[in-house]
Amino acid sequence: MSVATLQQFGQDLSSWMARVQRGESIVITKAGRVVARLLPPETNLEKSAEAAPAHWPDFAARRRAVFGDKVLPAGTAAMLVNEDRGA
């Protein structure tokens, strides 16, 4: 980990950023006190998030487990809605 004063950091920003891109951490101080820390990105976390796609449950299998293979005849849904509305 490198230490730079705020003035040093501002005067040579590109070289400090190149160090961070190479994986080095930088501590920036002002009047002897730490005011900031620059850390390289955590590439392992980013790669693992991209590599592991979201797992979606099998909704069709769940529907079959609850309702079986029953199929309503055409127009039944509309009839049920109308009945529920009192029509």
N, C-alpha and C. Protein backbone atom coordinates (compact mmCIF):
# COMPACT_ATOMS: atom_id res chain seq x y z
N MET A 1 0.85 -1.17 0.00
CA MET A 1 0.00 0.00 0.00
C MET A 1 0.90 1.23 0.00
N SER A 2 0.62 2.12 -0.95
CA SER A 2 1.38 3.36 -1.06
C SER A 2 0.64 4.48 -0.35
N VAL A 3 1.42 5.47 0.08
CA VAL A 3 0.85 6.64 0.75
C VAL A 3 1.24 7.86 -0.05
N ALA A 4 0.27 8.74 -0.30
CA ALA A 4 0.52 9.99 -1.03
C ALA A 4 -0.22 11.11 -0.33
N THR A 5 0.39 12.28 -0.33
CA THR A 5 -0.33 13.44 0.18
C THR A 5 -1.33 13.87 -0.88
N LEU A 6 -2.31 14.64 -0.47
CA LEU A 6 -3.31 15.11 -1.42
C LEU A 6 -2.66 15.92 -2.53
N GLN A 7 -1.65 16.71 -2.20
CA GLN A 7 -0.96 17.51 -3.21
C GLN A 7 -0.21 16.61 -4.20
N GLN A 8 0.51 15.61 -3.69
CA GLN A 8 1.22 14.68 -4.58
C GLN A 8 0.23 13.95 -5.50
N PHE A 9 -0.87 13.52 -4.93
CA PHE A 9 -1.86 12.79 -5.70
C PHE A 9 -2.42 13.66 -6.82
N GLY A 10 -2.73 14.91 -6.51
CA GLY A 10 -3.28 15.81 -7.52
C GLY A 10 -2.30 16.15 -8.62
N GLN A 11 -1.02 16.24 -8.28
CA GLN A 11 -0.02 16.62 -9.27
C GLN A 11 0.30 15.49 -10.25
N ASP A 12 0.15 14.24 -9.80
CA ASP A 12 0.51 13.11 -10.66
C ASP A 12 -0.60 12.06 -10.66
N LEU A 13 -1.80 12.51 -10.93
CA LEU A 13 -2.98 11.66 -10.86
C LEU A 13 -2.87 10.42 -11.74
N SER A 14 -2.39 10.59 -12.97
CA SER A 14 -2.36 9.46 -13.90
C SER A 14 -1.46 8.33 -13.42
N SER A 15 -0.32 8.65 -12.83
CA SER A 15 0.56 7.57 -12.36
C SER A 15 -0.02 6.87 -11.13
N TRP A 16 -0.70 7.61 -10.27
CA TRP A 16 -1.34 6.97 -9.11
C TRP A 16 -2.47 6.05 -9.56
N MET A 17 -3.24 6.51 -10.54
CA MET A 17 -4.33 5.68 -11.05
C MET A 17 -3.79 4.43 -11.75
N ALA A 18 -2.66 4.55 -12.42
CA ALA A 18 -2.04 3.38 -13.06
C ALA A 18 -1.65 2.35 -12.00
N ARG A 19 -1.17 2.81 -10.86
CA ARG A 19 -0.83 1.89 -9.77
C ARG A 19 -2.07 1.15 -9.27
N VAL A 20 -3.17 1.88 -9.12
CA VAL A 20 -4.41 1.27 -8.66
C VAL A 20 -4.89 0.24 -9.68
N GLN A 21 -4.79 0.55 -10.96
CA GLN A 21 -5.21 -0.39 -11.99
C GLN A 21 -4.36 -1.65 -12.00
N ARG A 22 -3.12 -1.54 -11.55
CA ARG A 22 -2.25 -2.73 -11.45
C ARG A 22 -2.53 -3.54 -10.19
N GLY A 23 -3.44 -3.04 -9.33
CA GLY A 23 -3.81 -3.81 -8.15
C GLY A 23 -3.29 -3.26 -6.83
N GLU A 24 -2.64 -2.12 -6.85
CA GLU A 24 -2.07 -1.55 -5.63
C GLU A 24 -3.10 -0.64 -4.94
N SER A 25 -3.08 -0.61 -3.62
CA SER A 25 -3.95 0.28 -2.84
C SER A 25 -3.19 1.56 -2.52
N ILE A 26 -3.89 2.67 -2.53
CA ILE A 26 -3.28 3.98 -2.26
C ILE A 26 -4.01 4.64 -1.11
N VAL A 27 -3.25 5.16 -0.14
CA VAL A 27 -3.83 5.95 0.95
C VAL A 27 -3.45 7.41 0.70
N ILE A 28 -4.45 8.27 0.74
CA ILE A 28 -4.21 9.70 0.50
C ILE A 28 -4.36 10.43 1.82
N THR A 29 -3.37 11.26 2.14
CA THR A 29 -3.38 11.98 3.42
C THR A 29 -3.40 13.48 3.18
N LYS A 30 -3.90 14.19 4.19
CA LYS A 30 -3.87 15.66 4.19
C LYS A 30 -3.55 16.08 5.62
N ALA A 31 -2.49 16.83 5.77
CA ALA A 31 -2.02 17.27 7.08
C ALA A 31 -1.78 16.08 8.01
N GLY A 32 -1.27 14.99 7.44
CA GLY A 32 -0.92 13.81 8.24
C GLY A 32 -2.09 12.90 8.59
N ARG A 33 -3.30 13.24 8.14
CA ARG A 33 -4.47 12.42 8.43
C ARG A 33 -4.97 11.76 7.15
N VAL A 34 -5.40 10.52 7.26
CA VAL A 34 -5.93 9.80 6.11
C VAL A 34 -7.27 10.41 5.72
N VAL A 35 -7.39 10.80 4.45
CA VAL A 35 -8.64 11.37 3.97
C VAL A 35 -9.32 10.46 2.94
N ALA A 36 -8.56 9.53 2.33
CA ALA A 36 -9.16 8.64 1.33
C ALA A 36 -8.29 7.42 1.13
N ARG A 37 -8.93 6.35 0.66
CA ARG A 37 -8.22 5.14 0.27
C ARG A 37 -8.72 4.75 -1.12
N LEU A 38 -7.81 4.49 -2.02
CA LEU A 38 -8.18 4.00 -3.35
C LEU A 38 -7.82 2.53 -3.42
N LEU A 39 -8.81 1.72 -3.77
CA LEU A 39 -8.61 0.28 -3.85
C LEU A 39 -8.91 -0.20 -5.26
N PRO A 40 -8.19 -1.22 -5.71
CA PRO A 40 -8.49 -1.76 -7.04
C PRO A 40 -9.84 -2.46 -7.01
N PRO A 41 -10.49 -2.58 -8.16
CA PRO A 41 -11.79 -3.26 -8.18
C PRO A 41 -11.64 -4.73 -7.81
N GLU A 42 -12.68 -5.28 -7.21
CA GLU A 42 -12.65 -6.68 -6.80
C GLU A 42 -13.12 -7.53 -7.98
N THR A 43 -12.18 -7.92 -8.81
CA THR A 43 -12.52 -8.63 -10.04
C THR A 43 -13.08 -10.02 -9.76
N ASN A 44 -12.68 -10.67 -8.67
CA ASN A 44 -13.20 -12.00 -8.38
C ASN A 44 -14.70 -11.97 -8.14
N LEU A 45 -15.19 -10.96 -7.43
CA LEU A 45 -16.62 -10.85 -7.17
C LEU A 45 -17.39 -10.56 -8.45
N GLU A 46 -16.84 -9.70 -9.29
CA GLU A 46 -17.51 -9.36 -10.54
C GLU A 46 -17.61 -10.57 -11.45
N LYS A 47 -16.53 -11.35 -11.53
CA LYS A 47 -16.54 -12.53 -12.39
C LYS A 47 -17.51 -13.59 -11.87
N SER A 48 -17.55 -13.77 -10.55
CA SER A 48 -18.44 -14.78 -10.00
C SER A 48 -19.90 -14.39 -10.18
N ALA A 49 -20.21 -13.09 -10.13
CA ALA A 49 -21.59 -12.65 -10.34
C ALA A 49 -22.00 -12.87 -11.79
N GLU A 50 -21.08 -12.66 -12.73
CA GLU A 50 -21.39 -12.88 -14.13
C GLU A 50 -21.48 -14.37 -14.45
N ALA A 51 -20.67 -15.19 -13.79
CA ALA A 51 -20.61 -16.61 -14.11
C ALA A 51 -21.82 -17.37 -13.57
N ALA A 52 -22.44 -16.88 -12.52
CA ALA A 52 -23.56 -17.58 -11.90
C ALA A 52 -24.88 -16.92 -12.28
N PRO A 53 -25.53 -17.43 -13.32
CA PRO A 53 -26.81 -16.83 -13.70
C PRO A 53 -27.87 -17.12 -12.64
N ALA A 54 -28.88 -16.29 -12.63
CA ALA A 54 -29.97 -16.47 -11.67
C ALA A 54 -30.70 -17.77 -11.96
N HIS A 55 -31.05 -18.49 -10.92
CA HIS A 55 -31.78 -19.74 -11.07
C HIS A 55 -33.27 -19.46 -10.90
N TRP A 56 -34.05 -19.74 -11.93
CA TRP A 56 -35.49 -19.53 -11.88
C TRP A 56 -36.17 -20.86 -11.60
N PRO A 57 -37.15 -20.86 -10.72
CA PRO A 57 -37.88 -22.10 -10.45
C PRO A 57 -38.67 -22.54 -11.67
N ASP A 58 -38.98 -23.80 -11.73
CA ASP A 58 -39.77 -24.35 -12.83
C ASP A 58 -41.24 -24.15 -12.50
N PHE A 59 -41.79 -23.02 -12.98
CA PHE A 59 -43.17 -22.68 -12.66
C PHE A 59 -44.17 -23.67 -13.28
N ALA A 60 -43.85 -24.17 -14.45
CA ALA A 60 -44.76 -25.12 -15.10
C ALA A 60 -44.86 -26.41 -14.27
N ALA A 61 -43.74 -26.88 -13.75
CA ALA A 61 -43.76 -28.08 -12.92
C ALA A 61 -44.53 -27.83 -11.62
N ARG A 62 -44.39 -26.63 -11.07
CA ARG A 62 -45.11 -26.30 -9.85
C ARG A 62 -46.62 -26.25 -10.12
N ARG A 63 -47.01 -25.66 -11.26
CA ARG A 63 -48.42 -25.61 -11.63
C ARG A 63 -48.99 -27.02 -11.79
N ARG A 64 -48.23 -27.89 -12.47
CA ARG A 64 -48.69 -29.28 -12.64
C ARG A 64 -48.82 -29.99 -11.31
N ALA A 65 -47.91 -29.71 -10.38
CA ALA A 65 -47.97 -30.36 -9.07
C ALA A 65 -49.21 -29.91 -8.29
N VAL A 66 -49.61 -28.65 -8.45
CA VAL A 66 -50.76 -28.13 -7.72
C VAL A 66 -52.08 -28.50 -8.40
N PHE A 67 -52.16 -28.30 -9.70
CA PHE A 67 -53.42 -28.47 -10.41
C PHE A 67 -53.52 -29.74 -11.24
N GLY A 68 -52.43 -30.44 -11.42
CA GLY A 68 -52.44 -31.62 -12.28
C GLY A 68 -52.46 -31.20 -13.74
N ASP A 69 -52.95 -32.08 -14.59
CA ASP A 69 -52.98 -31.81 -16.03
C ASP A 69 -54.36 -31.37 -16.50
N LYS A 70 -55.14 -30.80 -15.61
CA LYS A 70 -56.48 -30.35 -15.97
C LYS A 70 -56.41 -29.17 -16.93
N VAL A 71 -57.28 -29.19 -17.92
CA VAL A 71 -57.37 -28.08 -18.86
C VAL A 71 -58.83 -27.64 -18.89
N LEU A 72 -59.05 -26.35 -18.69
CA LEU A 72 -60.42 -25.83 -18.73
C LEU A 72 -60.89 -25.72 -20.17
N PRO A 73 -62.13 -26.03 -20.43
CA PRO A 73 -62.66 -25.87 -21.78
C PRO A 73 -62.69 -24.40 -22.17
N ALA A 74 -62.68 -24.14 -23.46
CA ALA A 74 -62.67 -22.77 -23.98
C ALA A 74 -63.88 -22.01 -23.44
N GLY A 75 -63.66 -20.77 -23.02
CA GLY A 75 -64.75 -19.92 -22.54
C GLY A 75 -65.04 -20.07 -21.06
N THR A 76 -64.42 -21.06 -20.39
CA THR A 76 -64.71 -21.30 -18.98
C THR A 76 -64.22 -20.14 -18.12
N ALA A 77 -63.04 -19.63 -18.43
CA ALA A 77 -62.48 -18.54 -17.62
C ALA A 77 -63.38 -17.32 -17.69
N ALA A 78 -63.82 -16.96 -18.88
CA ALA A 78 -64.70 -15.80 -19.03
C ALA A 78 -66.01 -16.02 -18.29
N MET A 79 -66.52 -17.25 -18.34
CA MET A 79 -67.76 -17.57 -17.64
C MET A 79 -67.57 -17.41 -16.12
N LEU A 80 -66.45 -17.87 -15.60
CA LEU A 80 -66.18 -17.76 -14.17
C LEU A 80 -66.06 -16.29 -13.75
N VAL A 81 -65.41 -15.48 -14.56
CA VAL A 81 -65.26 -14.06 -14.25
C VAL A 81 -66.63 -13.38 -14.24
N ASN A 82 -67.43 -13.67 -15.25
CA ASN A 82 -68.77 -13.08 -15.31
C ASN A 82 -69.61 -13.51 -14.13
N GLU A 83 -69.49 -14.77 -13.75
CA GLU A 83 -70.25 -15.29 -12.60
C GLU A 83 -69.82 -14.60 -11.32
N ASP A 84 -68.52 -14.38 -11.18
CA ASP A 84 -68.00 -13.72 -9.99
C ASP A 84 -68.45 -12.27 -9.92
N ARG A 85 -68.63 -11.62 -11.06
CA ARG A 85 -69.05 -10.22 -11.12
C ARG A 85 -70.58 -10.09 -10.97
N GLY A 86 -71.26 -11.21 -10.98
CA GLY A 86 -72.69 -11.16 -10.83
C GLY A 86 -73.43 -10.89 -12.14
N ALA A 87 -72.77 -11.17 -13.22
CA ALA A 87 -73.38 -10.91 -14.53
C ALA A 87 -74.14 -12.11 -15.04
